[in-house]
PDB file of N, CA and C in Angstrom:
ATOM      1  N   UNK A   1     -57.547  96.197  23.822  1.00  0.00           N
ATOM      2  CA  UNK A   1     -56.511  95.099  23.817  1.00  0.00           C
ATOM      3  C   UNK A   1     -57.220  93.892  23.461  1.00  0.00           C
ATOM      4  N   UNK A   2     -56.720  93.133  22.736  1.00  0.00           N
ATOM      5  CA  UNK A   2     -57.280  91.728  22.488  1.00  0.00           C
ATOM      6  C   UNK A   2     -56.365  90.642  23.111  1.00  0.00           C
ATOM      7  N   UNK A   3     -56.446  90.248  24.518  1.00  0.00           N
ATOM      8  CA  UNK A   3     -55.700  89.491  25.054  1.00  0.00           C
ATOM      9  C   UNK A   3     -55.386  88.111  24.368  1.00  0.00           C
ATOM     10  N   UNK A   4     -56.245  87.602  23.924  1.00  0.00           N
ATOM     11  CA  UNK A   4     -56.240  86.380  23.343  1.00  0.00           C
ATOM     12  C   UNK A   4     -55.273  86.138  22.114  1.00  0.00           C
ATOM     13  N   UNK A   5     -54.924  87.186  21.510  1.00  0.00           N
ATOM     14  CA  UNK A   5     -53.755  87.285  20.671  1.00  0.00           C
ATOM     15  C   UNK A   5     -52.261  87.112  21.213  1.00  0.00           C
ATOM     16  N   UNK A   6     -52.595  87.329  22.532  1.00  0.00           N
ATOM     17  CA  UNK A   6     -51.133  87.401  23.267  1.00  0.00           C
ATOM     18  C   UNK A   6     -50.880  86.126  24.239  1.00  0.00           C
ATOM     19  N   UNK A   7     -51.964  85.414  24.350  1.00  0.00           N
ATOM     20  CA  UNK A   7     -51.984  84.340  25.187  1.00  0.00           C
ATOM     21  C   UNK A   7     -52.186  82.882  24.441  1.00  0.00           C
ATOM     22  N   UNK A   8     -51.282  81.996  24.697  1.00  0.00           N
ATOM     23  CA  UNK A   8     -51.408  80.823  24.245  1.00  0.00           C
ATOM     24  C   UNK A   8     -51.496  79.674  25.220  1.00  0.00           C
ATOM     25  N   UNK A   9     -52.365  78.564  24.750  1.00  0.00           N
ATOM     26  CA  UNK A   9     -52.388  77.506  25.688  1.00  0.00           C
ATOM     27  C   UNK A   9     -52.271  76.226  24.766  1.00  0.00           C
ATOM     28  N   UNK A  10     -51.357  75.554  24.923  1.00  0.00           N
ATOM     29  CA  UNK A  10     -50.833  74.471  23.971  1.00  0.00           C
ATOM     30  C   UNK A  10     -50.221  73.407  25.033  1.00  0.00           C
ATOM     31  N   UNK A  11     -50.680  71.966  24.779  1.00  0.00           N
ATOM     32  CA  UNK A  11     -50.063  71.104  25.691  1.00  0.00           C
ATOM     33  C   UNK A  11     -48.839  70.798  25.620  1.00  0.00           C
ATOM     34  N   UNK A  12     -48.356  71.274  24.564  1.00  0.00           N
ATOM     35  CA  UNK A  12     -46.624  71.067  24.243  1.00  0.00           C
ATOM     36  C   UNK A  12     -45.826  72.160  25.148  1.00  0.00           C
ATOM     37  N   UNK A  13     -46.282  73.173  25.357  1.00  0.00           N
ATOM     38  CA  UNK A  13     -45.699  74.151  26.147  1.00  0.00           C
ATOM     39  C   UNK A  13     -46.244  74.193  27.581  1.00  0.00           C
ATOM     40  N   UNK A  14     -45.151  74.079  28.253  1.00  0.00           N
ATOM     41  CA  UNK A  14     -45.367  74.121  29.802  1.00  0.00           C
ATOM     42  C   UNK A  14     -46.703  73.485  30.395  1.00  0.00           C
ATOM     43  N   UNK A  15     -46.810  72.345  29.738  1.00  0.00           N
ATOM     44  CA  UNK A  15     -47.828  71.401  30.355  1.00  0.00           C
ATOM     45  C   UNK A  15     -49.237  72.103  30.075  1.00  0.00           C
ATOM     46  N   UNK A  16     -49.220  72.883  29.064  1.00  0.00           N
ATOM     47  CA  UNK A  16     -50.769  73.518  28.888  1.00  0.00           C
ATOM     48  C   UNK A  16     -50.979  74.859  29.701  1.00  0.00           C
ATOM     49  N   UNK A  17     -50.152  75.271  30.216  1.00  0.00           N
ATOM     50  CA  UNK A  17     -50.354  76.257  31.093  1.00  0.00           C
ATOM     51  C   UNK A  17     -50.511  77.552  30.231  1.00  0.00           C
ATOM     52  N   UNK A  18     -51.343  78.500  30.581  1.00  0.00           N
ATOM     53  CA  UNK A  18     -51.342  79.657  29.844  1.00  0.00           C
ATOM     54  C   UNK A  18     -50.092  80.372  29.857  1.00  0.00           C
ATOM     55  N   UNK A  19     -49.463  80.715  28.500  1.00  0.00           N
ATOM     56  CA  UNK A  19     -48.307  81.436  28.634  1.00  0.00           C
ATOM     57  C   UNK A  19     -48.118  82.519  27.678  1.00  0.00           C
ATOM     58  N   UNK A  20     -47.246  83.623  27.645  1.00  0.00           N
ATOM     59  CA  UNK A  20     -47.322  84.573  26.529  1.00  0.00           C
ATOM     60  C   UNK A  20     -46.893  83.983  25.306  1.00  0.00           C
ATOM     61  N   UNK A  21     -47.764  84.279  24.173  1.00  0.00           N
ATOM     62  CA  UNK A  21     -47.538  83.661  22.988  1.00  0.00           C
ATOM     63  C   UNK A  21     -45.914  83.926  22.426  1.00  0.00           C
ATOM     64  N   UNK A  22     -45.251  82.952  21.893  1.00  0.00           N
ATOM     65  CA  UNK A  22     -43.916  83.179  21.738  1.00  0.00           C
ATOM     66  C   UNK A  22     -42.875  83.058  22.688  1.00  0.00           C
ATOM     67  N   UNK A  23     -43.278  82.947  23.923  1.00  0.00           N
ATOM     68  CA  UNK A  23     -42.473  82.680  25.155  1.00  0.00           C
ATOM     69  C   UNK A  23     -42.732  81.430  25.778  1.00  0.00           C
ATOM     70  N   UNK A  24     -42.050  81.077  26.825  1.00  0.00           N
ATOM     71  CA  UNK A  24     -42.345  79.988  27.836  1.00  0.00           C
ATOM     72  C   UNK A  24     -42.664  80.451  29.207  1.00  0.00           C
ATOM     73  N   UNK A  25     -43.228  81.943  29.226  1.00  0.00           N
ATOM     74  CA  UNK A  25     -43.328  82.709  30.268  1.00  0.00           C
ATOM     75  C   UNK A  25     -44.878  82.699  30.660  1.00  0.00           C
ATOM     76  N   UNK A  26     -45.058  81.979  31.959  1.00  0.00           N
ATOM     77  CA  UNK A  26     -46.430  81.528  32.193  1.00  0.00           C
ATOM     78  C   UNK A  26     -47.191  82.763  32.731  1.00  0.00           C
ATOM     79  N   UNK A  27     -48.654  82.684  32.400  1.00  0.00           N
ATOM     80  CA  UNK A  27     -49.296  84.089  32.759  1.00  0.00           C
ATOM     81  C   UNK A  27     -49.157  84.007  34.511  1.00  0.00           C
ATOM     82  N   UNK A  28     -49.297  82.957  35.140  1.00  0.00           N
ATOM     83  CA  UNK A  28     -49.201  83.114  36.567  1.00  0.00           C
ATOM     84  C   UNK A  28     -47.901  83.633  37.172  1.00  0.00           C
ATOM     85  N   UNK A  29     -46.898  83.578  36.332  1.00  0.00           N
ATOM     86  CA  UNK A  29     -45.493  84.366  36.759  1.00  0.00           C
ATOM     87  C   UNK A  29     -45.693  85.929  36.748  1.00  0.00           C
ATOM     88  N   UNK A  30     -46.258  86.294  35.818  1.00  0.00           N
ATOM     89  CA  UNK A  30     -46.616  87.787  35.625  1.00  0.00           C
ATOM     90  C   UNK A  30     -47.586  88.333  36.749  1.00  0.00           C
ATOM     91  N   UNK A  31     -48.554  87.487  37.065  1.00  0.00           N
ATOM     92  CA  UNK A  31     -49.492  87.588  38.207  1.00  0.00           C
ATOM     93  C   UNK A  31     -48.901  87.491  39.524  1.00  0.00           C
ATOM     94  N   UNK A  32     -47.999  86.583  39.661  1.00  0.00           N
ATOM     95  CA  UNK A  32     -47.656  86.598  40.929  1.00  0.00           C
ATOM     96  C   UNK A  32     -46.580  87.771  41.193  1.00  0.00           C
ATOM     97  N   UNK A  33     -45.794  88.136  40.198  1.00  0.00           N
ATOM     98  CA  UNK A  33     -44.794  89.361  40.323  1.00  0.00           C
ATOM     99  C   UNK A  33     -45.778  90.531  40.743  1.00  0.00           C
ATOM    100  N   UNK A  34     -46.674  90.689  39.873  1.00  0.00           N
ATOM    101  CA  UNK A  34     -47.685  91.959  40.072  1.00  0.00           C
ATOM    102  C   UNK A  34     -48.060  91.855  41.473  1.00  0.00           C
ATOM    103  N   UNK A  35     -48.496  90.765  42.081  1.00  0.00           N
ATOM    104  CA  UNK A  35     -49.119  90.440  43.241  1.00  0.00           C
ATOM    105  C   UNK A  35     -47.897  90.826  44.438  1.00  0.00           C
ATOM    106  N   UNK A  36     -46.782  90.459  44.006  1.00  0.00           N
ATOM    107  CA  UNK A  36     -45.514  90.909  44.839  1.00  0.00           C
ATOM    108  C   UNK A  36     -45.197  92.189  44.854  1.00  0.00           C
ATOM    109  N   UNK A  37     -45.659  93.149  44.152  1.00  0.00           N
ATOM    110  CA  UNK A  37     -45.454  94.545  44.101  1.00  0.00           C
ATOM    111  C   UNK A  37     -44.698  95.263  43.000  1.00  0.00           C
ATOM    112  N   UNK A  38     -44.264  94.216  42.006  1.00  0.00           N
ATOM    113  CA  UNK A  38     -43.504  94.501  41.002  1.00  0.00           C
ATOM    114  C   UNK A  38     -44.383  95.351  40.112  1.00  0.00           C
ATOM    115  N   UNK A  39     -43.892  96.533  39.342  1.00  0.00           N
ATOM    116  CA  UNK A  39     -44.528  97.194  38.218  1.00  0.00           C
ATOM    117  C   UNK A  39     -44.030  96.881  37.045  1.00  0.00           C
ATOM    118  N   UNK A  40     -44.608  97.301  36.000  1.00  0.00           N
ATOM    119  CA  UNK A  40     -44.399  96.714  34.663  1.00  0.00           C
ATOM    120  C   UNK A  40     -43.068  96.886  34.393  1.00  0.00           C
ATOM    121  N   UNK A  41     -42.353  97.887  34.798  1.00  0.00           N
ATOM    122  CA  UNK A  41     -40.904  98.108  34.241  1.00  0.00           C
ATOM    123  C   UNK A  41     -40.059  97.150  34.650  1.00  0.00           C
ATOM    124  N   UNK A  42     -40.315  96.783  36.207  1.00  0.00           N
ATOM    125  CA  UNK A  42     -39.430  95.956  36.809  1.00  0.00           C
ATOM    126  C   UNK A  42     -39.768  94.530  36.334  1.00  0.00           C
ATOM    127  N   UNK A  43     -40.918  94.331  35.833  1.00  0.00           N
ATOM    128  CA  UNK A  43     -41.315  92.905  35.292  1.00  0.00           C
ATOM    129  C   UNK A  43     -40.496  92.811  33.914  1.00  0.00           C
ATOM    130  N   UNK A  44     -40.471  93.701  33.033  1.00  0.00           N
ATOM    131  CA  UNK A  44     -39.803  93.788  31.810  1.00  0.00           C
ATOM    132  C   UNK A  44     -38.224  93.781  32.029  1.00  0.00           C
ATOM    133  N   UNK A  45     -37.780  94.476  33.062  1.00  0.00           N
ATOM    134  CA  UNK A  45     -36.547  94.216  33.393  1.00  0.00           C
ATOM    135  C   UNK A  45     -36.039  92.700  33.555  1.00  0.00           C
ATOM    136  N   UNK A  46     -36.717  92.029  34.342  1.00  0.00           N
ATOM    137  CA  UNK A  46     -36.582  90.840  34.721  1.00  0.00           C
ATOM    138  C   UNK A  46     -36.742  89.560  33.515  1.00  0.00           C
ATOM    139  N   UNK A  47     -37.784  90.075  32.778  1.00  0.00           N
ATOM    140  CA  UNK A  47     -38.152  88.977  31.533  1.00  0.00           C
ATOM    141  C   UNK A  47     -38.344  90.117  30.366  1.00  0.00           C
ATOM    142  N   UNK A  48     -37.060  90.287  29.612  1.00  0.00           N
ATOM    143  CA  UNK A  48     -37.063  91.332  28.727  1.00  0.00           C
ATOM    144  C   UNK A  48     -37.837  90.982  27.369  1.00  0.00           C
ATOM    145  N   UNK A  49     -38.191  89.693  27.357  1.00  0.00           N
ATOM    146  CA  UNK A  49     -38.972  89.233  26.129  1.00  0.00           C
ATOM    147  C   UNK A  49     -40.427  89.646  26.108  1.00  0.00           C
ATOM    148  N   UNK A  50     -40.921  90.312  27.509  1.00  0.00           N
ATOM    149  CA  UNK A  50     -42.210  90.741  27.522  1.00  0.00           C
ATOM    150  C   UNK A  50     -42.295  92.140  27.054  1.00  0.00           C
ATOM    151  N   UNK A  51     -43.505  92.323  26.878  1.00  0.00           N
ATOM    152  CA  UNK A  51     -43.827  93.889  26.823  1.00  0.00           C
ATOM    153  C   UNK A  51     -44.859  94.449  27.557  1.00  0.00           C
ATOM    154  N   UNK A  52     -45.276  95.744  27.610  1.00  0.00           N
ATOM    155  CA  UNK A  52     -46.421  96.309  28.517  1.00  0.00           C
ATOM    156  C   UNK A  52     -47.619  95.421  28.092  1.00  0.00           C
ATOM    157  N   UNK A  53     -47.793  95.343  26.719  1.00  0.00           N
ATOM    158  CA  UNK A  53     -49.068  94.702  26.171  1.00  0.00           C
ATOM    159  C   UNK A  53     -49.255  93.427  26.739  1.00  0.00           C
ATOM    160  N   UNK A  54     -48.067  92.635  26.833  1.00  0.00           N
ATOM    161  CA  UNK A  54     -48.031  91.243  27.251  1.00  0.00           C
ATOM    162  C   UNK A  54     -48.556  91.200  28.616  1.00  0.00           C
ATOM    163  N   UNK A  55     -48.228  92.212  29.499  1.00  0.00           N
ATOM    164  CA  UNK A  55     -48.599  92.246  31.005  1.00  0.00           C
ATOM    165  C   UNK A  55     -49.810  92.490  31.031  1.00  0.00           C
ATOM    166  N   UNK A  56     -50.379  93.378  30.341  1.00  0.00           N
ATOM    167  CA  UNK A  56     -51.851  93.855  30.406  1.00  0.00           C
ATOM    168  C   UNK A  56     -52.816  92.743  29.663  1.00  0.00           C
ATOM    169  N   UNK A  57     -52.179  91.921  29.071  1.00  0.00           N
ATOM    170  CA  UNK A  57     -53.093  90.827  28.389  1.00  0.00           C
ATOM    171  C   UNK A  57     -53.153  89.636  29.485  1.00  0.00           C
ATOM    172  N   UNK A  58     -51.955  89.516  30.215  1.00  0.00           N
ATOM    173  CA  UNK A  58     -52.058  88.634  31.362  1.00  0.00           C
ATOM    174  C   UNK A  58     -53.120  88.786  32.392  1.00  0.00           C
ATOM    175  N   UNK A  59     -53.209  90.165  32.620  1.00  0.00           N
ATOM    176  CA  UNK A  59     -54.377  90.664  33.598  1.00  0.00           C
ATOM    177  C   UNK A  59     -55.594  90.368  33.007  1.00  0.00           C
ATOM    178  N   UNK A  60     -55.725  90.873  31.951  1.00  0.00           N
ATOM    179  CA  UNK A  60     -57.045  90.755  31.202  1.00  0.00           C
ATOM    180  C   UNK A  60     -57.477  89.318  31.152  1.00  0.00           C
ATOM    181  N   UNK A  61     -56.494  88.437  30.923  1.00  0.00           N
ATOM    182  CA  UNK A  61     -56.789  86.750  30.656  1.00  0.00           C
ATOM    183  C   UNK A  61     -57.206  86.271  32.113  1.00  0.00           C
ATOM    184  N   UNK A  62     -56.694  86.897  33.253  1.00  0.00           N
ATOM    185  CA  UNK A  62     -56.982  86.513  34.549  1.00  0.00           C
ATOM    186  C   UNK A  62     -58.325  87.076  35.002  1.00  0.00           C
ATOM    187  N   UNK A  63     -58.521  88.125  34.705  1.00  0.00           N
ATOM    188  CA  UNK A  63     -59.925  88.686  34.848  1.00  0.00           C
ATOM    189  C   UNK A  63     -61.002  87.849  34.274  1.00  0.00           C
ATOM    190  N   UNK A  64     -60.629  87.631  32.832  1.00  0.00           N
ATOM    191  CA  UNK A  64     -61.953  87.028  32.105  1.00  0.00           C
ATOM    192  C   UNK A  64     -62.031  85.584  32.571  1.00  0.00           C
ATOM    193  N   UNK A  65     -60.925  84.858  32.853  1.00  0.00           N
ATOM    194  CA  UNK A  65     -60.935  83.479  33.348  1.00  0.00           C
ATOM    195  C   UNK A  65     -61.962  83.397  34.864  1.00  0.00           C
ATOM    196  N   UNK A  66     -61.454  84.128  35.811  1.00  0.00           N
ATOM    197  CA  UNK A  66     -62.099  84.190  36.928  1.00  0.00           C
ATOM    198  C   UNK A  66     -63.320  84.502  37.031  1.00  0.00           C
ATOM    199  N   UNK A  67     -63.821  85.442  36.074  1.00  0.00           N
ATOM    200  CA  UNK A  67     -65.126  86.136  35.990  1.00  0.00           C
ATOM    201  C   UNK A  67     -66.153  84.556  35.633  1.00  0.00           C
ATOM    202  N   UNK A  68     -65.457  83.712  35.080  1.00  0.00           N
ATOM    203  CA  UNK A  68     -66.791  82.357  34.647  1.00  0.00           C
ATOM    204  C   UNK A  68     -66.287  81.393  35.556  1.00  0.00           C
ATOM    205  N   UNK A  69     -65.329  81.218  36.538  1.00  0.00           N
ATOM    206  CA  UNK A  69     -65.221  80.236  37.319  1.00  0.00           C
ATOM    207  C   UNK A  69     -65.979  80.293  38.684  1.00  0.00           C
ATOM    208  N   UNK A  70     -66.317  79.004  39.094  1.00  0.00           N
ATOM    209  CA  UNK A  70     -67.120  78.943  40.499  1.00  0.00           C
ATOM    210  C   UNK A  70     -65.797  78.684  41.281  1.00  0.00           C
ATOM    211  N   UNK A  71     -65.555  79.741  42.195  1.00  0.00           N
ATOM    212  CA  UNK A  71     -64.731  79.845  43.241  1.00  0.00           C
ATOM    213  C   UNK A  71     -65.068  79.333  44.547  1.00  0.00           C
ATOM    214  N   UNK A  72     -64.532  78.517  45.192  1.00  0.00           N
ATOM    215  CA  UNK A  72     -64.863  78.001  46.630  1.00  0.00           C
ATOM    216  C   UNK A  72     -64.319  78.954  47.536  1.00  0.00           C
ATOM    217  N   UNK A  73     -64.900  79.394  48.508  1.00  0.00           N
ATOM    218  CA  UNK A  73     -64.258  80.294  49.367  1.00  0.00           C
ATOM    219  C   UNK A  73     -63.480  79.735  50.424  1.00  0.00           C
ATOM    220  N   UNK A  74     -62.342  80.188  50.893  1.00  0.00           N
ATOM    221  CA  UNK A  74     -61.290  79.381  51.803  1.00  0.00           C
ATOM    222  C   UNK A  74     -61.940  79.482  53.169  1.00  0.00           C
ATOM    223  N   UNK A  75     -61.829  78.369  53.668  1.00  0.00           N
ATOM    224  CA  UNK A  75     -62.425  78.180  55.090  1.00  0.00           C
ATOM    225  C   UNK A  75     -61.644  79.134  56.030  1.00  0.00           C
ATOM    226  N   UNK A  76     -62.285  79.793  56.985  1.00  0.00           N
ATOM    227  CA  UNK A  76     -61.636  80.545  57.964  1.00  0.00           C
ATOM    228  C   UNK A  76     -61.396  80.017  59.250  1.00  0.00           C
TER     229      UNK A  76
END
């Protein structure tokens, strides 16, 4: 799976947030739905323009992005 063929970052679309190419569906929406317990079929039902490959690309993009980010721990 080559995630970057499915993810687009364009300042003219959703203020430059990463979206699924050809849509205005931000990657963070997909990640939030997965985090809320939605499965792939439920997400596709809510967003019929998406495919399973789009959802997997969003996950791969998030993994690659956070791999190289310096994250600050949340204070306890």
